N, C-alpha and C. Protein backbone atom coordinates (compact mmCIF):
# COMPACT_ATOMS: atom_id res chain seq x y z
N MET A 1 -11.70 -27.31 -14.51
CA MET A 1 -11.71 -26.39 -13.39
C MET A 1 -13.02 -26.59 -12.63
N PRO A 2 -12.97 -26.75 -11.31
CA PRO A 2 -14.19 -26.97 -10.53
C PRO A 2 -15.17 -25.81 -10.66
N THR A 3 -16.44 -26.13 -10.64
CA THR A 3 -17.50 -25.14 -10.79
C THR A 3 -17.43 -24.08 -9.70
N ALA A 4 -17.10 -24.48 -8.47
CA ALA A 4 -17.01 -23.51 -7.37
C ALA A 4 -15.94 -22.47 -7.65
N LEU A 5 -14.82 -22.91 -8.20
CA LEU A 5 -13.74 -21.97 -8.52
C LEU A 5 -14.15 -21.03 -9.63
N LEU A 6 -14.85 -21.55 -10.62
CA LEU A 6 -15.34 -20.70 -11.71
C LEU A 6 -16.30 -19.64 -11.17
N ALA A 7 -17.12 -20.01 -10.19
CA ALA A 7 -18.05 -19.06 -9.61
C ALA A 7 -17.33 -17.94 -8.86
N LEU A 8 -16.16 -18.27 -8.29
CA LEU A 8 -15.38 -17.28 -7.54
C LEU A 8 -14.50 -16.42 -8.42
N LEU A 9 -14.27 -16.84 -9.65
CA LEU A 9 -13.32 -16.15 -10.53
C LEU A 9 -13.58 -14.65 -10.68
N PRO A 10 -14.82 -14.20 -10.89
CA PRO A 10 -15.03 -12.74 -10.98
C PRO A 10 -14.62 -12.00 -9.71
N SER A 11 -14.87 -12.58 -8.55
CA SER A 11 -14.47 -11.95 -7.30
C SER A 11 -12.96 -11.91 -7.16
N ILE A 12 -12.30 -13.00 -7.56
CA ILE A 12 -10.84 -13.05 -7.50
C ILE A 12 -10.23 -12.00 -8.42
N ILE A 13 -10.78 -11.88 -9.61
CA ILE A 13 -10.29 -10.88 -10.56
C ILE A 13 -10.48 -9.48 -10.00
N ASP A 14 -11.65 -9.21 -9.40
CA ASP A 14 -11.89 -7.90 -8.79
C ASP A 14 -10.88 -7.61 -7.68
N MET A 15 -10.55 -8.61 -6.89
CA MET A 15 -9.57 -8.42 -5.81
C MET A 15 -8.19 -8.13 -6.38
N ILE A 16 -7.82 -8.83 -7.45
CA ILE A 16 -6.52 -8.59 -8.08
C ILE A 16 -6.45 -7.17 -8.62
N VAL A 17 -7.52 -6.73 -9.27
CA VAL A 17 -7.55 -5.38 -9.82
C VAL A 17 -7.46 -4.34 -8.71
N LYS A 18 -8.18 -4.56 -7.63
CA LYS A 18 -8.23 -3.56 -6.55
C LYS A 18 -6.98 -3.58 -5.68
N TYR A 19 -6.50 -4.78 -5.30
CA TYR A 19 -5.42 -4.88 -4.32
C TYR A 19 -4.09 -5.39 -4.88
N GLY A 20 -4.12 -5.96 -6.06
CA GLY A 20 -2.90 -6.48 -6.66
C GLY A 20 -2.70 -7.95 -6.38
N VAL A 21 -1.85 -8.54 -7.18
CA VAL A 21 -1.57 -9.97 -7.09
C VAL A 21 -0.98 -10.37 -5.73
N PRO A 22 -0.03 -9.59 -5.17
CA PRO A 22 0.56 -10.02 -3.89
C PRO A 22 -0.47 -10.21 -2.77
N ALA A 23 -1.47 -9.36 -2.70
CA ALA A 23 -2.49 -9.50 -1.65
C ALA A 23 -3.32 -10.76 -1.86
N VAL A 24 -3.67 -11.04 -3.09
CA VAL A 24 -4.48 -12.23 -3.39
C VAL A 24 -3.65 -13.49 -3.12
N GLU A 25 -2.37 -13.46 -3.47
CA GLU A 25 -1.50 -14.59 -3.15
C GLU A 25 -1.42 -14.82 -1.65
N GLN A 26 -1.35 -13.74 -0.88
CA GLN A 26 -1.30 -13.86 0.57
C GLN A 26 -2.56 -14.52 1.12
N ILE A 27 -3.70 -14.17 0.57
CA ILE A 27 -4.97 -14.78 1.01
C ILE A 27 -4.95 -16.28 0.75
N PHE A 28 -4.52 -16.67 -0.45
CA PHE A 28 -4.46 -18.10 -0.76
C PHE A 28 -3.50 -18.83 0.17
N LYS A 29 -2.34 -18.23 0.44
CA LYS A 29 -1.38 -18.86 1.34
C LYS A 29 -1.96 -19.01 2.74
N MET A 30 -2.66 -17.96 3.19
CA MET A 30 -3.23 -17.99 4.54
C MET A 30 -4.20 -19.16 4.73
N PHE A 31 -5.03 -19.39 3.73
CA PHE A 31 -6.07 -20.40 3.89
C PHE A 31 -5.67 -21.77 3.37
N ASN A 32 -4.51 -21.87 2.73
CA ASN A 32 -3.99 -23.17 2.35
C ASN A 32 -3.03 -23.72 3.39
N ASN A 33 -2.71 -22.93 4.37
CA ASN A 33 -1.85 -23.35 5.46
C ASN A 33 -2.65 -24.29 6.38
N GLN A 34 -2.09 -25.41 6.76
CA GLN A 34 -2.81 -26.39 7.58
C GLN A 34 -3.21 -25.84 8.94
N THR A 35 -2.45 -24.89 9.47
CA THR A 35 -2.76 -24.34 10.79
C THR A 35 -3.74 -23.18 10.72
N GLY A 36 -4.04 -22.70 9.52
CA GLY A 36 -4.94 -21.57 9.37
C GLY A 36 -4.19 -20.25 9.52
N PRO A 37 -4.88 -19.14 9.27
CA PRO A 37 -4.23 -17.83 9.32
C PRO A 37 -3.81 -17.46 10.74
N THR A 38 -2.65 -16.83 10.84
CA THR A 38 -2.15 -16.33 12.12
C THR A 38 -2.35 -14.82 12.16
N GLN A 39 -2.11 -14.22 13.30
CA GLN A 39 -2.21 -12.77 13.39
C GLN A 39 -1.17 -12.11 12.48
N ALA A 40 0.00 -12.71 12.37
CA ALA A 40 1.03 -12.18 11.47
C ALA A 40 0.55 -12.20 10.02
N ASP A 41 -0.19 -13.26 9.65
CA ASP A 41 -0.75 -13.34 8.30
C ASP A 41 -1.72 -12.19 8.05
N TRP A 42 -2.60 -11.95 9.02
CA TRP A 42 -3.58 -10.87 8.89
C TRP A 42 -2.89 -9.52 8.81
N ASP A 43 -1.85 -9.32 9.62
CA ASP A 43 -1.11 -8.06 9.61
C ASP A 43 -0.44 -7.84 8.26
N SER A 44 0.13 -8.90 7.71
CA SER A 44 0.78 -8.83 6.41
C SER A 44 -0.25 -8.50 5.32
N LEU A 45 -1.39 -9.14 5.38
CA LEU A 45 -2.44 -8.88 4.40
C LEU A 45 -2.92 -7.44 4.50
N LYS A 46 -3.08 -6.95 5.71
CA LYS A 46 -3.53 -5.56 5.90
C LYS A 46 -2.55 -4.61 5.24
N GLN A 47 -1.26 -4.85 5.43
CA GLN A 47 -0.25 -4.00 4.83
C GLN A 47 -0.31 -4.06 3.31
N LEU A 48 -0.50 -5.26 2.77
CA LEU A 48 -0.57 -5.42 1.32
C LEU A 48 -1.79 -4.72 0.73
N THR A 49 -2.92 -4.75 1.43
CA THR A 49 -4.14 -4.17 0.88
C THR A 49 -4.18 -2.66 1.03
N GLN A 50 -3.27 -2.10 1.79
CA GLN A 50 -3.22 -0.65 1.90
C GLN A 50 -2.46 -0.03 0.74
N THR A 51 -1.82 -0.85 -0.06
CA THR A 51 -1.11 -0.40 -1.24
C THR A 51 -1.96 -0.73 -2.46
N THR A 52 -2.35 0.29 -3.21
CA THR A 52 -3.19 0.05 -4.38
C THR A 52 -2.36 -0.43 -5.57
N ALA A 53 -3.04 -0.93 -6.57
CA ALA A 53 -2.36 -1.38 -7.79
C ALA A 53 -1.63 -0.20 -8.44
N ARG A 54 -2.22 0.98 -8.39
CA ARG A 54 -1.58 2.17 -8.97
C ARG A 54 -0.28 2.50 -8.21
N GLN A 55 -0.33 2.43 -6.88
CA GLN A 55 0.88 2.67 -6.09
C GLN A 55 1.95 1.64 -6.41
N GLN A 56 1.53 0.39 -6.59
CA GLN A 56 2.48 -0.66 -6.95
C GLN A 56 3.10 -0.36 -8.31
N MET A 57 2.30 0.12 -9.26
CA MET A 57 2.82 0.46 -10.59
C MET A 57 3.79 1.62 -10.49
N LEU A 58 3.48 2.63 -9.70
CA LEU A 58 4.39 3.76 -9.53
C LEU A 58 5.72 3.30 -8.94
N ALA A 59 5.66 2.40 -7.97
CA ALA A 59 6.88 1.88 -7.36
C ALA A 59 7.69 1.07 -8.37
N THR A 60 7.00 0.29 -9.20
CA THR A 60 7.68 -0.50 -10.23
C THR A 60 8.33 0.40 -11.27
N LEU A 61 7.61 1.44 -11.67
CA LEU A 61 8.19 2.39 -12.62
C LEU A 61 9.45 3.03 -12.05
N ALA A 62 9.37 3.45 -10.80
CA ALA A 62 10.52 4.07 -10.14
C ALA A 62 11.70 3.10 -10.06
N ALA A 63 11.40 1.85 -9.74
CA ALA A 63 12.46 0.84 -9.61
C ALA A 63 13.17 0.60 -10.95
N HIS A 64 12.47 0.86 -12.04
CA HIS A 64 13.06 0.65 -13.36
C HIS A 64 13.48 1.95 -14.03
N GLY A 65 13.44 3.04 -13.26
CA GLY A 65 13.90 4.32 -13.78
C GLY A 65 13.01 4.92 -14.84
N ILE A 66 11.73 4.62 -14.80
CA ILE A 66 10.79 5.15 -15.79
C ILE A 66 10.01 6.30 -15.15
N ASP A 67 10.09 7.46 -15.76
CA ASP A 67 9.36 8.63 -15.27
C ASP A 67 7.86 8.40 -15.50
N PRO A 68 7.04 8.50 -14.44
CA PRO A 68 5.60 8.27 -14.62
C PRO A 68 4.94 9.29 -15.54
N ASN A 69 5.59 10.43 -15.75
CA ASN A 69 5.03 11.45 -16.64
C ASN A 69 5.49 11.27 -18.09
N SER A 70 6.41 10.33 -18.32
CA SER A 70 6.87 10.07 -19.69
C SER A 70 5.78 9.33 -20.45
N PRO A 71 5.88 9.30 -21.78
CA PRO A 71 4.87 8.54 -22.55
C PRO A 71 4.79 7.07 -22.12
N GLN A 72 5.94 6.46 -21.84
CA GLN A 72 5.94 5.05 -21.42
C GLN A 72 5.26 4.91 -20.04
N GLY A 73 5.61 5.81 -19.13
CA GLY A 73 5.01 5.78 -17.80
C GLY A 73 3.51 5.98 -17.85
N GLN A 74 3.09 6.92 -18.67
CA GLN A 74 1.65 7.19 -18.80
C GLN A 74 0.93 5.99 -19.42
N ALA A 75 1.58 5.31 -20.35
CA ALA A 75 0.97 4.12 -20.95
C ALA A 75 0.76 3.02 -19.92
N PHE A 76 1.76 2.80 -19.06
CA PHE A 76 1.62 1.80 -18.01
C PHE A 76 0.54 2.21 -17.01
N LEU A 77 0.54 3.47 -16.61
CA LEU A 77 -0.45 3.94 -15.64
C LEU A 77 -1.87 3.87 -16.20
N ALA A 78 -2.01 4.04 -17.51
CA ALA A 78 -3.34 3.95 -18.12
C ALA A 78 -3.91 2.55 -18.02
N LEU A 79 -3.03 1.55 -17.90
CA LEU A 79 -3.46 0.16 -17.78
C LEU A 79 -3.78 -0.23 -16.34
N THR A 80 -3.47 0.67 -15.41
CA THR A 80 -3.57 0.36 -13.99
C THR A 80 -4.75 1.07 -13.37
N PRO A 81 -5.61 0.36 -12.64
CA PRO A 81 -6.74 1.02 -11.98
C PRO A 81 -6.25 1.99 -10.92
N ALA A 82 -7.02 3.03 -10.70
CA ALA A 82 -6.67 4.04 -9.69
C ALA A 82 -6.70 3.48 -8.29
């Protein structure tokens, strides 16, 4: 693994924890595109970063029919940053 990437790893992990994997994936896609980021890319990223990891977990729990107040729901939420 290149040294530069290793140096960025803590920042990437912090971004994943704060904004979730989809937002970080969007950033990589934006800057790996040969034409560079478009306004639509920035708009999409803004939308993704307005949803926290906790909100994403709540949506996932709901999609799978898990009550967030149940023991299982609380266990998942305990693993998710606020």
